[in-house]
């Protein structure tokens, strides 16, 4: 039997790179390689959290706003999670955001958040996506989702997010993008039947938001089933304006809503040259 050489990565010219995996698997199918970005730190940033213990406050910040809130913190449920509640005071809110603003839209960052909606989704506002630093990180960057163009404020200038607010005339989820360049753009999110989407109470919800220069995309799964096709708006953060991933949940009545965050995944291309 011919001995197999020791598979040491140093023997590859660019170990753990896109070129390495293309060579190793003898193909360049984008779908297959996209599933392997965690194995390619040469060309991709990858970070994930399963929240199996105390929240890493060097990486994440969990702000609150209003009375009666409980900030996101570790909760010993099946496979671990963060759990928090905006409480029973109207307009109180909780959030979770990356502590540092480090992602350039030119690198096409993507944020996947898996969360569990509360037992009621009536009287709920949520916002999930990327933005530059906001004045109050426990409040949304989109302050009027009904308008076309939507209103982006709270100190944010560059944003790409999924936003829903049952206090608004449009009480279903919308995709919103805005940059320093151009006006904000909003799109009502619909399922494959063309019905506007709101999350199912007590269900697992997967929201994936990706931004690039003046473009925002999203996928949504509800109860582990695809809500629809990938949807996008031709607006989003400008290239060169650093953004960070975040999520915000706010009660719009006096009913307690307990929110669990099960996991996050953040992926971004490595394109810097200096």
C-alpha atoms as a PDB file:
ATOM      1  CA  UNK A   1       0.000   0.000   0.000  1.00  0.00           C
ATOM      2  CA  UNK A   2       1.332   3.440  -0.924  1.00  0.00           C
ATOM      3  CA  UNK A   3       1.660   5.576   2.216  1.00  0.00           C
ATOM      4  CA  UNK A   4      -0.521   8.678   2.344  1.00  0.00           C
ATOM      5  CA  UNK A   5       1.458  11.903   2.937  1.00  0.00           C
ATOM      6  CA  UNK A   6       0.827  13.774   6.143  1.00  0.00           C
ATOM      7  CA  UNK A   7      -1.960  16.292   5.243  1.00  0.00           C
ATOM      8  CA  UNK A   8      -0.255  19.330   6.751  1.00  0.00           C
ATOM      9  CA  UNK A   9      -1.839  22.652   5.645  1.00  0.00           C
ATOM     10  CA  UNK A  10       1.628  24.206   5.304  1.00  0.00           C
ATOM     11  CA  UNK A  11       2.109  22.094   2.181  1.00  0.00           C
ATOM     12  CA  UNK A  12      -0.571  24.162   0.424  1.00  0.00           C
ATOM     13  CA  UNK A  13       0.426  27.455  -1.131  1.00  0.00           C
ATOM     14  CA  UNK A  14      -2.621  29.286   0.284  1.00  0.00           C
ATOM     15  CA  UNK A  15      -3.934  27.129   3.153  1.00  0.00           C
ATOM     16  CA  UNK A  16      -7.578  27.593   4.149  1.00  0.00           C
ATOM     17  CA  UNK A  17      -8.313  29.760   1.123  1.00  0.00           C
ATOM     18  CA  UNK A  18     -10.897  29.684  -1.636  1.00  0.00           C
ATOM     19  CA  UNK A  19      -8.150  28.504  -3.988  1.00  0.00           C
ATOM     20  CA  UNK A  20      -7.261  25.690  -1.566  1.00  0.00           C
ATOM     21  CA  UNK A  21     -10.830  24.359  -1.430  1.00  0.00           C
ATOM     22  CA  UNK A  22     -11.377  24.716  -5.152  1.00  0.00           C
ATOM     23  CA  UNK A  23      -8.268  22.629  -5.717  1.00  0.00           C
ATOM     24  CA  UNK A  24      -9.145  20.092  -3.013  1.00  0.00           C
ATOM     25  CA  UNK A  25     -12.666  19.450  -4.281  1.00  0.00           C
ATOM     26  CA  UNK A  26     -11.874  19.774  -7.978  1.00  0.00           C
ATOM     27  CA  UNK A  27     -14.761  22.112  -8.678  1.00  0.00           C
ATOM     28  CA  UNK A  28     -15.895  25.672  -8.115  1.00  0.00           C
ATOM     29  CA  UNK A  29     -19.640  25.213  -7.609  1.00  0.00           C
ATOM     30  CA  UNK A  30     -20.580  28.419  -5.728  1.00  0.00           C
ATOM     31  CA  UNK A  31     -23.338  26.667  -3.747  1.00  0.00           C
ATOM     32  CA  UNK A  32     -20.952  23.984  -2.471  1.00  0.00           C
ATOM     33  CA  UNK A  33     -18.170  26.432  -1.639  1.00  0.00           C
ATOM     34  CA  UNK A  34     -20.572  28.838   0.080  1.00  0.00           C
ATOM     35  CA  UNK A  35     -21.279  26.097   2.634  1.00  0.00           C
ATOM     36  CA  UNK A  36     -17.579  25.939   3.469  1.00  0.00           C
ATOM     37  CA  UNK A  37     -16.738  29.565   4.265  1.00  0.00           C
ATOM     38  CA  UNK A  38     -15.900  28.603   7.857  1.00  0.00           C
ATOM     39  CA  UNK A  39     -13.018  26.569   6.405  1.00  0.00           C
ATOM     40  CA  UNK A  40     -11.629  29.535   4.423  1.00  0.00           C
ATOM     41  CA  UNK A  41     -10.377  32.199   6.867  1.00  0.00           C
ATOM     42  CA  UNK A  42      -7.921  33.357   4.199  1.00  0.00           C
ATOM     43  CA  UNK A  43     -10.824  34.787   2.201  1.00  0.00           C
ATOM     44  CA  UNK A  44     -13.741  35.058   4.654  1.00  0.00           C
ATOM     45  CA  UNK A  45     -14.581  36.398   8.088  1.00  0.00           C
ATOM     46  CA  UNK A  46     -16.799  33.931   9.982  1.00  0.00           C
ATOM     47  CA  UNK A  47     -18.262  34.191  13.462  1.00  0.00           C
ATOM     48  CA  UNK A  48     -21.071  32.240  15.092  1.00  0.00           C
ATOM     49  CA  UNK A  49     -22.662  31.990  18.518  1.00  0.00           C
ATOM     50  CA  UNK A  50     -24.863  29.269  19.983  1.00  0.00           C
ATOM     51  CA  UNK A  51     -25.200  31.089  23.332  1.00  0.00           C
ATOM     52  CA  UNK A  52     -24.400  28.114  25.549  1.00  0.00           C
ATOM     53  CA  UNK A  53     -23.197  30.208  28.488  1.00  0.00           C
ATOM     54  CA  UNK A  54     -22.737  33.724  29.807  1.00  0.00           C
ATOM     55  CA  UNK A  55     -23.063  36.351  27.076  1.00  0.00           C
ATOM     56  CA  UNK A  56     -19.670  37.486  25.768  1.00  0.00           C
ATOM     57  CA  UNK A  57     -19.921  41.210  26.493  1.00  0.00           C
ATOM     58  CA  UNK A  58     -16.639  41.928  24.714  1.00  0.00           C
ATOM     59  CA  UNK A  59     -18.312  40.821  21.482  1.00  0.00           C
ATOM     60  CA  UNK A  60     -21.988  41.614  22.143  1.00  0.00           C
ATOM     61  CA  UNK A  61     -23.908  44.426  23.856  1.00  0.00           C
ATOM     62  CA  UNK A  62     -27.467  43.958  25.145  1.00  0.00           C
ATOM     63  CA  UNK A  63     -29.090  47.408  25.609  1.00  0.00           C
ATOM     64  CA  UNK A  64     -32.504  48.117  27.108  1.00  0.00           C
ATOM     65  CA  UNK A  65     -34.841  51.106  27.026  1.00  0.00           C
ATOM     66  CA  UNK A  66     -37.860  51.796  29.214  1.00  0.00           C
ATOM     67  CA  UNK A  67     -39.272  50.322  32.411  1.00  0.00           C
ATOM     68  CA  UNK A  68     -39.643  46.657  33.350  1.00  0.00           C
ATOM     69  CA  UNK A  69     -37.213  45.281  30.777  1.00  0.00           C
ATOM     70  CA  UNK A  70     -34.997  42.218  31.141  1.00  0.00           C
ATOM     71  CA  UNK A  71     -31.875  42.398  28.992  1.00  0.00           C
ATOM     72  CA  UNK A  72     -30.839  39.458  26.839  1.00  0.00           C
ATOM     73  CA  UNK A  73     -28.828  36.988  28.935  1.00  0.00           C
ATOM     74  CA  UNK A  74     -28.051  33.277  28.916  1.00  0.00           C
ATOM     75  CA  UNK A  75     -31.061  31.031  29.441  1.00  0.00           C
ATOM     76  CA  UNK A  76     -30.640  27.304  30.164  1.00  0.00           C
ATOM     77  CA  UNK A  77     -33.090  25.961  27.605  1.00  0.00           C
ATOM     78  CA  UNK A  78     -32.650  23.218  25.011  1.00  0.00           C
ATOM     79  CA  UNK A  79     -29.203  23.728  23.388  1.00  0.00           C
ATOM     80  CA  UNK A  80     -28.855  27.095  25.116  1.00  0.00           C
ATOM     81  CA  UNK A  81     -30.092  30.559  24.158  1.00  0.00           C
ATOM     82  CA  UNK A  82     -30.278  34.180  25.118  1.00  0.00           C
ATOM     83  CA  UNK A  83     -33.593  35.310  26.527  1.00  0.00           C
ATOM     84  CA  UNK A  84     -35.019  38.703  27.388  1.00  0.00           C
ATOM     85  CA  UNK A  85     -38.235  40.681  27.534  1.00  0.00           C
ATOM     86  CA  UNK A  86     -39.168  44.291  26.853  1.00  0.00           C
ATOM     87  CA  UNK A  87     -41.615  43.902  29.746  1.00  0.00           C
ATOM     88  CA  UNK A  88     -45.162  45.188  30.081  1.00  0.00           C
ATOM     89  CA  UNK A  89     -44.555  48.913  29.663  1.00  0.00           C
ATOM     90  CA  UNK A  90     -45.690  50.277  26.301  1.00  0.00           C
ATOM     91  CA  UNK A  91     -42.740  51.182  24.017  1.00  0.00           C
ATOM     92  CA  UNK A  92     -40.058  49.558  26.186  1.00  0.00           C
ATOM     93  CA  UNK A  93     -37.446  47.632  24.219  1.00  0.00           C
ATOM     94  CA  UNK A  94     -34.429  45.316  24.321  1.00  0.00           C
ATOM     95  CA  UNK A  95     -31.693  44.715  21.819  1.00  0.00           C
ATOM     96  CA  UNK A  96     -28.526  42.859  20.910  1.00  0.00           C
ATOM     97  CA  UNK A  97     -25.756  44.256  18.754  1.00  0.00           C
ATOM     98  CA  UNK A  98     -22.134  43.578  17.895  1.00  0.00           C
ATOM     99  CA  UNK A  99     -20.068  45.717  20.249  1.00  0.00           C
ATOM    100  CA  UNK A 100     -17.866  47.088  17.479  1.00  0.00           C
ATOM    101  CA  UNK A 101     -18.778  48.637  14.137  1.00  0.00           C
ATOM    102  CA  UNK A 102     -16.404  46.750  11.814  1.00  0.00           C
ATOM    103  CA  UNK A 103     -18.119  45.520   8.642  1.00  0.00           C
ATOM    104  CA  UNK A 104     -17.768  47.245   5.264  1.00  0.00           C
ATOM    105  CA  UNK A 105     -20.717  46.775   2.884  1.00  0.00           C
ATOM    106  CA  UNK A 106     -18.139  46.362   0.095  1.00  0.00           C
ATOM    107  CA  UNK A 107     -17.324  42.976   1.689  1.00  0.00           C
ATOM    108  CA  UNK A 108     -20.945  41.787   1.424  1.00  0.00           C
ATOM    109  CA  UNK A 109     -21.522  40.919   5.106  1.00  0.00           C
ATOM    110  CA  UNK A 110     -24.404  38.601   6.026  1.00  0.00           C
ATOM    111  CA  UNK A 111     -26.178  38.209   9.377  1.00  0.00           C
ATOM    112  CA  UNK A 112     -28.324  35.209  10.279  1.00  0.00           C
ATOM    113  CA  UNK A 113     -30.390  35.477  13.461  1.00  0.00           C
ATOM    114  CA  UNK A 114     -32.514  32.572  14.701  1.00  0.00           C
ATOM    115  CA  UNK A 115     -35.005  33.662  17.327  1.00  0.00           C
ATOM    116  CA  UNK A 116     -38.235  32.506  18.949  1.00  0.00           C
ATOM    117  CA  UNK A 117     -41.171  34.885  18.848  1.00  0.00           C
ATOM    118  CA  UNK A 118     -43.181  35.486  21.996  1.00  0.00           C
ATOM    119  CA  UNK A 119     -46.513  33.872  22.764  1.00  0.00           C
ATOM    120  CA  UNK A 120     -48.142  36.902  21.145  1.00  0.00           C
ATOM    121  CA  UNK A 121     -46.933  38.975  18.199  1.00  0.00           C
ATOM    122  CA  UNK A 122     -49.688  41.548  18.585  1.00  0.00           C
ATOM    123  CA  UNK A 123     -48.226  44.829  19.751  1.00  0.00           C
ATOM    124  CA  UNK A 124     -44.690  44.022  18.594  1.00  0.00           C
ATOM    125  CA  UNK A 125     -41.956  45.941  16.852  1.00  0.00           C
ATOM    126  CA  UNK A 126     -38.717  44.303  15.745  1.00  0.00           C
ATOM    127  CA  UNK A 127     -35.774  45.263  13.561  1.00  0.00           C
ATOM    128  CA  UNK A 128     -32.927  42.968  12.451  1.00  0.00           C
ATOM    129  CA  UNK A 129     -30.037  43.806  10.152  1.00  0.00           C
ATOM    130  CA  UNK A 130     -26.966  46.036   9.807  1.00  0.00           C
ATOM    131  CA  UNK A 131     -26.478  49.731  10.521  1.00  0.00           C
ATOM    132  CA  UNK A 132     -23.863  52.235  11.522  1.00  0.00           C
ATOM    133  CA  UNK A 133     -23.928  53.267  15.195  1.00  0.00           C
ATOM    134  CA  UNK A 134     -27.304  54.545  16.385  1.00  0.00           C
ATOM    135  CA  UNK A 135     -27.938  57.137  19.079  1.00  0.00           C
ATOM    136  CA  UNK A 136     -29.932  54.627  21.162  1.00  0.00           C
ATOM    137  CA  UNK A 137     -29.147  51.031  20.241  1.00  0.00           C
ATOM    138  CA  UNK A 138     -32.260  49.782  22.062  1.00  0.00           C
ATOM    139  CA  UNK A 139     -34.445  51.676  19.573  1.00  0.00           C
ATOM    140  CA  UNK A 140     -34.895  51.108  15.828  1.00  0.00           C
ATOM    141  CA  UNK A 141     -33.059  52.878  13.047  1.00  0.00           C
ATOM    142  CA  UNK A 142     -36.269  53.029  10.979  1.00  0.00           C
ATOM    143  CA  UNK A 143     -38.652  55.460  12.677  1.00  0.00           C
ATOM    144  CA  UNK A 144     -41.440  55.485  10.067  1.00  0.00           C
ATOM    145  CA  UNK A 145     -41.763  52.316   8.008  1.00  0.00           C
ATOM    146  CA  UNK A 146     -45.090  53.361   6.410  1.00  0.00           C
ATOM    147  CA  UNK A 147     -43.634  56.184   4.396  1.00  0.00           C
ATOM    148  CA  UNK A 148     -42.151  55.699   0.938  1.00  0.00           C
ATOM    149  CA  UNK A 149     -39.345  56.430   1.287  1.00  0.00           C
ATOM    150  CA  UNK A 150     -39.211  55.138   4.889  1.00  0.00           C
ATOM    151  CA  UNK A 151     -37.751  57.464   7.512  1.00  0.00           C
ATOM    152  CA  UNK A 152     -34.346  56.486   8.927  1.00  0.00           C
ATOM    153  CA  UNK A 153     -33.244  58.378  12.037  1.00  0.00           C
ATOM    154  CA  UNK A 154     -31.956  57.655  15.586  1.00  0.00           C
ATOM    155  CA  UNK A 155     -28.478  58.693  14.460  1.00  0.00           C
ATOM    156  CA  UNK A 156     -28.273  56.066  11.718  1.00  0.00           C
ATOM    157  CA  UNK A 157     -27.389  57.070   8.157  1.00  0.00           C
ATOM    158  CA  UNK A 158     -26.602  53.674   6.602  1.00  0.00           C
ATOM    159  CA  UNK A 159     -28.848  50.667   7.204  1.00  0.00           C
ATOM    160  CA  UNK A 160     -30.196  47.442   5.747  1.00  0.00           C
ATOM    161  CA  UNK A 161     -32.823  45.680   7.854  1.00  0.00           C
ATOM    162  CA  UNK A 162     -36.075  43.788   8.222  1.00  0.00           C
ATOM    163  CA  UNK A 163     -38.475  45.968  10.206  1.00  0.00           C
ATOM    164  CA  UNK A 164     -41.976  45.341  11.538  1.00  0.00           C
ATOM    165  CA  UNK A 165     -44.131  47.576  13.720  1.00  0.00           C
ATOM    166  CA  UNK A 166     -47.730  46.687  14.505  1.00  0.00           C
ATOM    167  CA  UNK A 167     -48.331  50.299  15.626  1.00  0.00           C
ATOM    168  CA  UNK A 168     -47.975  51.451  12.020  1.00  0.00           C
ATOM    169  CA  UNK A 169     -50.554  51.439   9.239  1.00  0.00           C
ATOM    170  CA  UNK A 170     -48.365  48.858   7.478  1.00  0.00           C
ATOM    171  CA  UNK A 171     -48.216  46.371  10.359  1.00  0.00           C
ATOM    172  CA  UNK A 172     -46.381  43.610   8.478  1.00  0.00           C
ATOM    173  CA  UNK A 173     -42.652  43.209   7.897  1.00  0.00           C
ATOM    174  CA  UNK A 174     -40.776  45.363   5.397  1.00  0.00           C
ATOM    175  CA  UNK A 175     -37.236  45.302   4.060  1.00  0.00           C
ATOM    176  CA  UNK A 176     -35.599  48.729   4.325  1.00  0.00           C
ATOM    177  CA  UNK A 177     -32.324  49.962   2.886  1.00  0.00           C
ATOM    178  CA  UNK A 178     -30.711  53.366   3.165  1.00  0.00           C
ATOM    179  CA  UNK A 179     -27.279  54.834   2.618  1.00  0.00           C
ATOM    180  CA  UNK A 180     -25.480  58.120   2.842  1.00  0.00           C
ATOM    181  CA  UNK A 181     -25.973  58.160  -0.935  1.00  0.00           C
ATOM    182  CA  UNK A 182     -29.579  58.288  -2.160  1.00  0.00           C
ATOM    183  CA  UNK A 183     -32.973  57.991  -0.470  1.00  0.00           C
ATOM    184  CA  UNK A 184     -34.273  55.112   1.658  1.00  0.00           C
ATOM    185  CA  UNK A 185     -36.199  52.309  -0.049  1.00  0.00           C
ATOM    186  CA  UNK A 186     -38.811  50.027   1.518  1.00  0.00           C
ATOM    187  CA  UNK A 187     -40.379  46.772   0.330  1.00  0.00           C
ATOM    188  CA  UNK A 188     -43.261  44.886   1.961  1.00  0.00           C
ATOM    189  CA  UNK A 189     -42.167  41.268   2.472  1.00  0.00           C
ATOM    190  CA  UNK A 190     -44.521  38.618   1.154  1.00  0.00           C
ATOM    191  CA  UNK A 191     -44.650  34.829   1.131  1.00  0.00           C
ATOM    192  CA  UNK A 192     -44.831  32.730  -2.031  1.00  0.00           C
ATOM    193  CA  UNK A 193     -48.574  33.243  -2.183  1.00  0.00           C
ATOM    194  CA  UNK A 194     -48.082  36.999  -2.169  1.00  0.00           C
ATOM    195  CA  UNK A 195     -49.393  37.479   1.385  1.00  0.00           C
ATOM    196  CA  UNK A 196     -47.648  40.023   3.597  1.00  0.00           C
ATOM    197  CA  UNK A 197     -45.685  38.345   6.394  1.00  0.00           C
ATOM    198  CA  UNK A 198     -45.781  38.634  10.166  1.00  0.00           C
ATOM    199  CA  UNK A 199     -44.016  36.143  12.445  1.00  0.00           C
ATOM    200  CA  UNK A 200     -45.935  33.218  13.902  1.00  0.00           C
ATOM    201  CA  UNK A 201     -46.387  33.398  17.682  1.00  0.00           C
ATOM    202  CA  UNK A 202     -44.043  31.086  19.657  1.00  0.00           C
ATOM    203  CA  UNK A 203     -42.366  29.940  16.418  1.00  0.00           C
ATOM    204  CA  UNK A 204     -38.714  29.698  15.462  1.00  0.00           C
ATOM    205  CA  UNK A 205     -37.958  32.553  13.058  1.00  0.00           C
ATOM    206  CA  UNK A 206     -34.831  32.732  10.896  1.00  0.00           C
ATOM    207  CA  UNK A 207     -33.959  36.142   9.480  1.00  0.00           C
ATOM    208  CA  UNK A 208     -30.942  36.443   7.171  1.00  0.00           C
ATOM    209  CA  UNK A 209     -29.957  39.928   6.071  1.00  0.00           C
ATOM    210  CA  UNK A 210     -27.118  40.661   3.671  1.00  0.00           C
ATOM    211  CA  UNK A 211     -25.873  44.058   2.605  1.00  0.00           C
ATOM    212  CA  UNK A 212     -23.478  45.336   0.013  1.00  0.00           C
ATOM    213  CA  UNK A 213     -22.867  48.784  -1.398  1.00  0.00           C
ATOM    214  CA  UNK A 214     -26.366  50.321  -1.681  1.00  0.00           C
ATOM    215  CA  UNK A 215     -28.125  46.944  -1.759  1.00  0.00           C
ATOM    216  CA  UNK A 216     -29.992  44.943   0.907  1.00  0.00           C
ATOM    217  CA  UNK A 217     -31.231  41.354   0.653  1.00  0.00           C
ATOM    218  CA  UNK A 218     -33.079  39.016   2.992  1.00  0.00           C
ATOM    219  CA  UNK A 219     -34.330  35.477   3.438  1.00  0.00           C
ATOM    220  CA  UNK A 220     -36.884  34.556   6.097  1.00  0.00           C
ATOM    221  CA  UNK A 221     -37.972  31.199   7.461  1.00  0.00           C
ATOM    222  CA  UNK A 222     -40.987  30.916   9.768  1.00  0.00           C
ATOM    223  CA  UNK A 223     -41.562  27.718  11.772  1.00  0.00           C
ATOM    224  CA  UNK A 224     -38.546  26.230   9.902  1.00  0.00           C
ATOM    225  CA  UNK A 225     -40.290  26.698   6.539  1.00  0.00           C
ATOM    226  CA  UNK A 226     -39.247  29.234   3.897  1.00  0.00           C
ATOM    227  CA  UNK A 227     -41.452  32.318   4.015  1.00  0.00           C
ATOM    228  CA  UNK A 228     -40.758  33.163   0.397  1.00  0.00           C
ATOM    229  CA  UNK A 229     -38.010  33.765  -2.110  1.00  0.00           C
ATOM    230  CA  UNK A 230     -35.013  35.993  -1.468  1.00  0.00           C
ATOM    231  CA  UNK A 231     -36.170  39.608  -1.592  1.00  0.00           C
ATOM    232  CA  UNK A 232     -34.084  42.733  -2.066  1.00  0.00           C
ATOM    233  CA  UNK A 233     -34.128  46.512  -2.314  1.00  0.00           C
ATOM    234  CA  UNK A 234     -31.735  48.555  -4.417  1.00  0.00           C
ATOM    235  CA  UNK A 235     -30.503  50.594  -1.489  1.00  0.00           C
ATOM    236  CA  UNK A 236     -28.403  49.975   1.610  1.00  0.00           C
ATOM    237  CA  UNK A 237     -25.272  51.160   3.387  1.00  0.00           C
ATOM    238  CA  UNK A 238     -22.610  52.904   1.328  1.00  0.00           C
ATOM    239  CA  UNK A 239     -19.304  51.211   0.615  1.00  0.00           C
ATOM    240  CA  UNK A 240     -16.734  52.370   3.153  1.00  0.00           C
ATOM    241  CA  UNK A 241     -19.295  53.166   5.875  1.00  0.00           C
ATOM    242  CA  UNK A 242     -18.723  50.589   8.607  1.00  0.00           C
ATOM    243  CA  UNK A 243     -21.818  48.847   9.996  1.00  0.00           C
ATOM    244  CA  UNK A 244     -22.605  46.151  12.557  1.00  0.00           C
ATOM    245  CA  UNK A 245     -25.289  43.476  12.974  1.00  0.00           C
ATOM    246  CA  UNK A 246     -28.067  44.025  15.476  1.00  0.00           C
ATOM    247  CA  UNK A 247     -31.548  43.022  16.584  1.00  0.00           C
ATOM    248  CA  UNK A 248     -34.157  45.043  18.476  1.00  0.00           C
ATOM    249  CA  UNK A 249     -37.498  43.976  19.974  1.00  0.00           C
ATOM    250  CA  UNK A 250     -40.070  46.400  21.402  1.00  0.00           C
ATOM    251  CA  UNK A 251     -43.476  46.020  22.974  1.00  0.00           C
ATOM    252  CA  UNK A 252     -46.212  48.259  21.567  1.00  0.00           C
ATOM    253  CA  UNK A 253     -48.737  47.452  24.289  1.00  0.00           C
ATOM    254  CA  UNK A 254     -48.683  46.239  27.896  1.00  0.00           C
ATOM    255  CA  UNK A 255     -48.465  42.510  27.177  1.00  0.00           C
ATOM    256  CA  UNK A 256     -45.191  40.815  28.161  1.00  0.00           C
ATOM    257  CA  UNK A 257     -43.302  39.268  25.232  1.00  0.00           C
ATOM    258  CA  UNK A 258     -40.461  36.873  25.993  1.00  0.00           C
ATOM    259  CA  UNK A 259     -37.943  36.614  23.154  1.00  0.00           C
ATOM    260  CA  UNK A 260     -35.264  33.929  22.803  1.00  0.00           C
ATOM    261  CA  UNK A 261     -32.246  34.223  20.501  1.00  0.00           C
ATOM    262  CA  UNK A 262     -30.978  30.762  19.618  1.00  0.00           C
ATOM    263  CA  UNK A 263     -28.004  31.497  17.393  1.00  0.00           C
ATOM    264  CA  UNK A 264     -26.231  34.007  15.191  1.00  0.00           C
ATOM    265  CA  UNK A 265     -23.913  33.630  12.208  1.00  0.00           C
ATOM    266  CA  UNK A 266     -21.943  36.485  10.627  1.00  0.00           C
ATOM    267  CA  UNK A 267     -20.025  36.082   7.365  1.00  0.00           C
ATOM    268  CA  UNK A 268     -18.079  38.670   5.385  1.00  0.00           C
ATOM    269  CA  UNK A 269     -15.579  38.592   2.544  1.00  0.00           C
ATOM    270  CA  UNK A 270     -11.935  39.423   3.304  1.00  0.00           C
ATOM    271  CA  UNK A 271     -11.089  42.026   0.663  1.00  0.00           C
ATOM    272  CA  UNK A 272      -8.794  44.412   2.484  1.00  0.00           C
ATOM    273  CA  UNK A 273      -5.390  44.975   0.895  1.00  0.00           C
ATOM    274  CA  UNK A 274      -3.686  47.023   3.618  1.00  0.00           C
END
